[in-house]
């Protein structure tokens, strides 16, 4: 059997160039916020193509619909918040003259 990783959820999804980066997060068992709640910590990053992400999103939607039909409430816990992880800088050559510069991609909502 393959290794399994437990995650409390997705902290952020960032699109950079031809890849989608999904950062998974976990509630820390050792560190606490000032209000006593567990701190959210970055756990793992998965990088995939746009096509792979689109296929994965369809599968997640199918699972969410199945959970909804079973009567499971799908609602994030209020104590969970996104982990702020800066995107990894991508080195590129400067744009050629008279070439329009496109703004960087923003995180997926």
Protein backbone atom coordinates (compact mmCIF):
# COMPACT_ATOMS: atom_id res chain seq x y z
CA UNK A 1 0.00 0.00 0.00
CA UNK A 2 1.25 3.49 -0.83
CA UNK A 3 2.14 5.99 1.88
CA UNK A 4 -0.75 8.13 3.05
CA UNK A 5 -0.55 11.73 4.26
CA UNK A 6 -3.26 13.25 6.44
CA UNK A 7 -4.15 16.88 5.77
CA UNK A 8 -6.68 19.17 7.43
CA UNK A 9 -7.27 20.91 4.11
CA UNK A 10 -5.90 23.04 1.32
CA UNK A 11 -4.19 26.23 2.44
CA UNK A 12 -3.73 27.81 -0.97
CA UNK A 13 -3.79 27.17 -4.70
CA UNK A 14 -1.45 29.23 -6.86
CA UNK A 15 -1.17 29.23 -10.65
CA UNK A 16 2.31 30.05 -11.95
CA UNK A 17 3.08 29.66 -15.62
CA UNK A 18 2.08 26.19 -16.79
CA UNK A 19 1.66 24.70 -13.32
CA UNK A 20 -0.81 24.73 -10.45
CA UNK A 21 0.63 24.53 -6.94
CA UNK A 22 -1.62 23.18 -4.20
CA UNK A 23 -0.43 23.71 -0.62
CA UNK A 24 -1.92 21.36 1.93
CA UNK A 25 -2.04 22.35 5.58
CA UNK A 26 -2.42 20.70 8.95
CA UNK A 27 -3.36 21.87 12.42
CA UNK A 28 -0.23 21.70 14.57
CA UNK A 29 -0.52 19.28 17.49
CA UNK A 30 2.15 21.20 19.42
CA UNK A 31 1.80 24.90 18.60
CA UNK A 32 -1.17 27.02 19.67
CA UNK A 33 -2.52 30.43 18.66
CA UNK A 34 -2.97 33.07 21.37
CA UNK A 35 -6.64 32.04 21.64
CA UNK A 36 -5.63 28.43 22.36
CA UNK A 37 -6.57 27.05 18.93
CA UNK A 38 -3.98 24.90 17.10
CA UNK A 39 -1.75 26.81 14.68
CA UNK A 40 -2.10 26.06 10.99
CA UNK A 41 1.12 24.80 9.39
CA UNK A 42 2.18 24.08 5.80
CA UNK A 43 2.31 20.32 5.26
CA UNK A 44 2.92 19.42 1.61
CA UNK A 45 2.90 21.01 -1.84
CA UNK A 46 1.68 19.24 -4.96
CA UNK A 47 2.54 20.71 -8.36
CA UNK A 48 0.56 19.65 -11.43
CA UNK A 49 -0.29 20.75 -14.94
CA UNK A 50 -3.41 22.80 -15.73
CA UNK A 51 -4.97 19.70 -17.29
CA UNK A 52 -4.16 17.55 -14.26
CA UNK A 53 -5.64 20.16 -11.95
CA UNK A 54 -8.84 20.45 -14.03
CA UNK A 55 -9.28 16.66 -13.93
CA UNK A 56 -8.62 16.62 -10.18
CA UNK A 57 -11.15 19.42 -9.61
CA UNK A 58 -13.81 17.35 -11.42
CA UNK A 59 -13.06 14.34 -9.20
CA UNK A 60 -13.23 16.46 -6.05
CA UNK A 61 -16.58 17.90 -7.20
CA UNK A 62 -17.90 14.36 -7.76
CA UNK A 63 -16.84 13.34 -4.24
CA UNK A 64 -18.40 16.51 -2.77
CA UNK A 65 -21.70 15.73 -4.51
CA UNK A 66 -21.61 12.15 -3.18
CA UNK A 67 -21.01 13.45 0.36
CA UNK A 68 -23.87 15.89 -0.05
CA UNK A 69 -26.22 13.08 -1.14
CA UNK A 70 -25.18 11.11 1.97
CA UNK A 71 -26.21 14.09 4.11
CA UNK A 72 -22.70 15.08 5.11
CA UNK A 73 -22.36 18.79 5.76
CA UNK A 74 -19.49 20.25 3.75
CA UNK A 75 -18.45 23.38 5.55
CA UNK A 76 -14.94 24.49 6.53
CA UNK A 77 -14.26 24.89 10.23
CA UNK A 78 -14.05 28.55 11.30
CA UNK A 79 -10.68 27.98 12.99
CA UNK A 80 -9.09 26.89 9.71
CA UNK A 81 -7.44 29.68 7.80
CA UNK A 82 -5.18 29.64 4.74
CA UNK A 83 -1.47 29.26 5.25
CA UNK A 84 0.34 32.21 3.71
CA UNK A 85 3.08 30.71 1.57
CA UNK A 86 4.79 32.90 -1.00
CA UNK A 87 5.00 31.49 -4.52
CA UNK A 88 8.38 30.15 -5.56
CA UNK A 89 10.07 32.72 -7.83
CA UNK A 90 10.45 31.64 -11.43
CA UNK A 91 13.51 32.89 -13.25
CA UNK A 92 12.87 34.13 -16.75
CA UNK A 93 14.59 36.30 -19.29
CA UNK A 94 13.48 39.93 -19.54
CA UNK A 95 10.71 40.57 -22.07
CA UNK A 96 11.74 41.65 -25.55
CA UNK A 97 11.11 45.26 -26.54
CA UNK A 98 7.59 46.03 -27.79
CA UNK A 99 6.32 42.81 -26.18
CA UNK A 100 3.36 43.33 -23.85
CA UNK A 101 4.03 42.23 -20.29
CA UNK A 102 1.28 40.13 -18.75
CA UNK A 103 0.63 40.47 -15.02
CA UNK A 104 1.47 37.51 -12.78
CA UNK A 105 -1.26 34.97 -12.10
CA UNK A 106 -3.17 35.44 -8.88
CA UNK A 107 -4.00 32.61 -6.45
CA UNK A 108 -7.08 30.60 -7.34
CA UNK A 109 -9.97 31.63 -5.06
